[in-house]
C-alpha atoms as a PDB file:
ATOM      1  CA  UNK A   1       4.304 -44.130 -10.142  1.00  0.00           C
ATOM      2  CA  UNK A   2       4.492 -44.542 -14.441  1.00  0.00           C
ATOM      3  CA  UNK A   3       6.917 -43.626 -16.702  1.00  0.00           C
ATOM      4  CA  UNK A   4       4.537 -43.632 -19.005  1.00  0.00           C
ATOM      5  CA  UNK A   5       4.624 -40.645 -22.539  1.00  0.00           C
ATOM      6  CA  UNK A   6       1.680 -38.730 -22.531  1.00  0.00           C
ATOM      7  CA  UNK A   7       0.293 -37.265 -25.733  1.00  0.00           C
ATOM      8  CA  UNK A   8       0.664 -33.874 -25.079  1.00  0.00           C
ATOM      9  CA  UNK A   9       3.232 -31.539 -26.462  1.00  0.00           C
ATOM     10  CA  UNK A  10       4.236 -28.194 -25.173  1.00  0.00           C
ATOM     11  CA  UNK A  11       5.756 -25.180 -26.408  1.00  0.00           C
ATOM     12  CA  UNK A  12       8.040 -23.193 -23.939  1.00  0.00           C
ATOM     13  CA  UNK A  13       9.826 -20.141 -24.326  1.00  0.00           C
ATOM     14  CA  UNK A  14      12.768 -21.172 -22.364  1.00  0.00           C
ATOM     15  CA  UNK A  15      16.350 -22.646 -24.351  1.00  0.00           C
ATOM     16  CA  UNK A  16      16.333 -26.053 -23.997  1.00  0.00           C
ATOM     17  CA  UNK A  17      18.701 -28.405 -23.520  1.00  0.00           C
ATOM     18  CA  UNK A  18      19.614 -32.142 -22.014  1.00  0.00           C
ATOM     19  CA  UNK A  19      19.375 -32.293 -18.622  1.00  0.00           C
ATOM     20  CA  UNK A  20      18.201 -28.576 -17.977  1.00  0.00           C
ATOM     21  CA  UNK A  21      15.136 -28.401 -15.618  1.00  0.00           C
ATOM     22  CA  UNK A  22      11.965 -26.270 -17.246  1.00  0.00           C
ATOM     23  CA  UNK A  23       9.471 -24.841 -15.020  1.00  0.00           C
ATOM     24  CA  UNK A  24       6.127 -24.639 -16.648  1.00  0.00           C
ATOM     25  CA  UNK A  25       3.836 -21.837 -16.266  1.00  0.00           C
ATOM     26  CA  UNK A  26       0.479 -21.392 -14.496  1.00  0.00           C
ATOM     27  CA  UNK A  27      -1.762 -21.990 -17.430  1.00  0.00           C
ATOM     28  CA  UNK A  28       0.199 -25.459 -19.041  1.00  0.00           C
ATOM     29  CA  UNK A  29       0.995 -26.803 -15.358  1.00  0.00           C
ATOM     30  CA  UNK A  30      -2.840 -26.569 -14.827  1.00  0.00           C
ATOM     31  CA  UNK A  31      -3.603 -28.181 -18.736  1.00  0.00           C
ATOM     32  CA  UNK A  32      -0.742 -30.816 -17.708  1.00  0.00           C
ATOM     33  CA  UNK A  33      -1.899 -31.723 -14.664  1.00  0.00           C
ATOM     34  CA  UNK A  34      -5.697 -31.301 -14.056  1.00  0.00           C
ATOM     35  CA  UNK A  35      -6.861 -31.793 -17.795  1.00  0.00           C
ATOM     36  CA  UNK A  36      -4.490 -34.589 -18.598  1.00  0.00           C
ATOM     37  CA  UNK A  37      -3.748 -35.988 -15.364  1.00  0.00           C
ATOM     38  CA  UNK A  38      -0.459 -35.832 -15.185  1.00  0.00           C
ATOM     39  CA  UNK A  39       1.521 -37.823 -12.095  1.00  0.00           C
ATOM     40  CA  UNK A  40       4.587 -37.387 -11.133  1.00  0.00           C
ATOM     41  CA  UNK A  41       7.670 -39.520 -13.484  1.00  0.00           C
ATOM     42  CA  UNK A  42       5.121 -39.174 -16.621  1.00  0.00           C
ATOM     43  CA  UNK A  43       7.045 -38.101 -19.560  1.00  0.00           C
ATOM     44  CA  UNK A  44       5.927 -35.035 -22.414  1.00  0.00           C
ATOM     45  CA  UNK A  45       7.088 -33.929 -25.169  1.00  0.00           C
ATOM     46  CA  UNK A  46       8.456 -30.087 -25.075  1.00  0.00           C
ATOM     47  CA  UNK A  47       9.347 -27.329 -28.171  1.00  0.00           C
ATOM     48  CA  UNK A  48      10.403 -23.815 -28.593  1.00  0.00           C
ATOM     49  CA  UNK A  49      10.685 -23.524 -32.249  1.00  0.00           C
ATOM     50  CA  UNK A  50      14.237 -22.834 -31.877  1.00  0.00           C
ATOM     51  CA  UNK A  51      16.125 -25.906 -30.036  1.00  0.00           C
ATOM     52  CA  UNK A  52      13.943 -29.345 -31.974  1.00  0.00           C
ATOM     53  CA  UNK A  53      11.547 -31.371 -29.678  1.00  0.00           C
ATOM     54  CA  UNK A  54      12.797 -32.866 -26.398  1.00  0.00           C
ATOM     55  CA  UNK A  55      10.882 -35.274 -24.243  1.00  0.00           C
ATOM     56  CA  UNK A  56      10.856 -34.139 -20.270  1.00  0.00           C
ATOM     57  CA  UNK A  57      10.200 -35.977 -16.964  1.00  0.00           C
ATOM     58  CA  UNK A  58       7.836 -34.303 -14.959  1.00  0.00           C
ATOM     59  CA  UNK A  59       9.982 -34.320 -11.458  1.00  0.00           C
ATOM     60  CA  UNK A  60       7.876 -32.214  -9.715  1.00  0.00           C
ATOM     61  CA  UNK A  61       3.897 -31.394  -9.283  1.00  0.00           C
ATOM     62  CA  UNK A  62       2.869 -27.904  -7.955  1.00  0.00           C
ATOM     63  CA  UNK A  63       1.496 -24.443  -9.437  1.00  0.00           C
ATOM     64  CA  UNK A  64       4.324 -24.326 -11.680  1.00  0.00           C
ATOM     65  CA  UNK A  65       5.386 -27.838 -12.511  1.00  0.00           C
ATOM     66  CA  UNK A  66       9.559 -28.818 -13.626  1.00  0.00           C
ATOM     67  CA  UNK A  67      10.100 -31.305 -15.619  1.00  0.00           C
ATOM     68  CA  UNK A  68      13.401 -32.333 -16.102  1.00  0.00           C
ATOM     69  CA  UNK A  69      14.262 -32.712 -20.539  1.00  0.00           C
ATOM     70  CA  UNK A  70      15.979 -35.627 -21.082  1.00  0.00           C
ATOM     71  CA  UNK A  71      16.471 -36.066 -24.816  1.00  0.00           C
ATOM     72  CA  UNK A  72      16.114 -34.984 -28.097  1.00  0.00           C
ATOM     73  CA  UNK A  73      13.683 -36.214 -30.431  1.00  0.00           C
ATOM     74  CA  UNK A  74      13.511 -34.474 -33.566  1.00  0.00           C
ATOM     75  CA  UNK A  75      15.877 -31.655 -34.792  1.00  0.00           C
ATOM     76  CA  UNK A  76      14.565 -27.998 -35.247  1.00  0.00           C
ATOM     77  CA  UNK A  77      14.026 -28.079 -39.052  1.00  0.00           C
ATOM     78  CA  UNK A  78      14.663 -24.662 -40.827  1.00  0.00           C
ATOM     79  CA  UNK A  79      12.080 -23.489 -42.721  1.00  0.00           C
ATOM     80  CA  UNK A  80      13.048 -22.167 -46.254  1.00  0.00           C
ATOM     81  CA  UNK A  81      11.788 -18.254 -47.379  1.00  0.00           C
ATOM     82  CA  UNK A  82       8.279 -18.015 -48.313  1.00  0.00           C
ATOM     83  CA  UNK A  83       7.007 -15.317 -50.931  1.00  0.00           C
ATOM     84  CA  UNK A  84       3.824 -15.072 -51.585  1.00  0.00           C
ATOM     85  CA  UNK A  85       2.478 -13.256 -54.688  1.00  0.00           C
ATOM     86  CA  UNK A  86      -0.354 -12.448 -56.101  1.00  0.00           C
ATOM     87  CA  UNK A  87      -2.012 -10.401 -59.209  1.00  0.00           C
ATOM     88  CA  UNK A  88      -5.393  -8.169 -58.366  1.00  0.00           C
ATOM     89  CA  UNK A  89      -7.486  -8.718 -61.733  1.00  0.00           C
ATOM     90  CA  UNK A  90      -9.606  -5.480 -62.496  1.00  0.00           C
ATOM     91  CA  UNK A  91     -12.920  -6.272 -63.849  1.00  0.00           C
ATOM     92  CA  UNK A  92     -15.441  -5.027 -64.888  1.00  0.00           C
ATOM     93  CA  UNK A  93     -18.240  -3.633 -62.885  1.00  0.00           C
ATOM     94  CA  UNK A  94     -21.628  -6.352 -62.653  1.00  0.00           C
ATOM     95  CA  UNK A  95     -24.966  -4.890 -63.436  1.00  0.00           C
END
């Protein structure tokens, strides 16, 4: 068994906290197991846009992979409000 950190960063809609278990959907599970060839005990990065970025260990390989969340690697940064303004130029019609 390899405790290697894969170069994978996955979005999950679930709430994330230390020692929680995240169950991936079928598409994400297929990507992790078949495309990235992950094995049990490999580590991946998980984020949801609210709780920051976490590292988790694959604890069960199946159609719906389970990942046990180990530690927070990056806190969520609140984005600043952005306002986009543009002016429409009224020009002459070209011949």
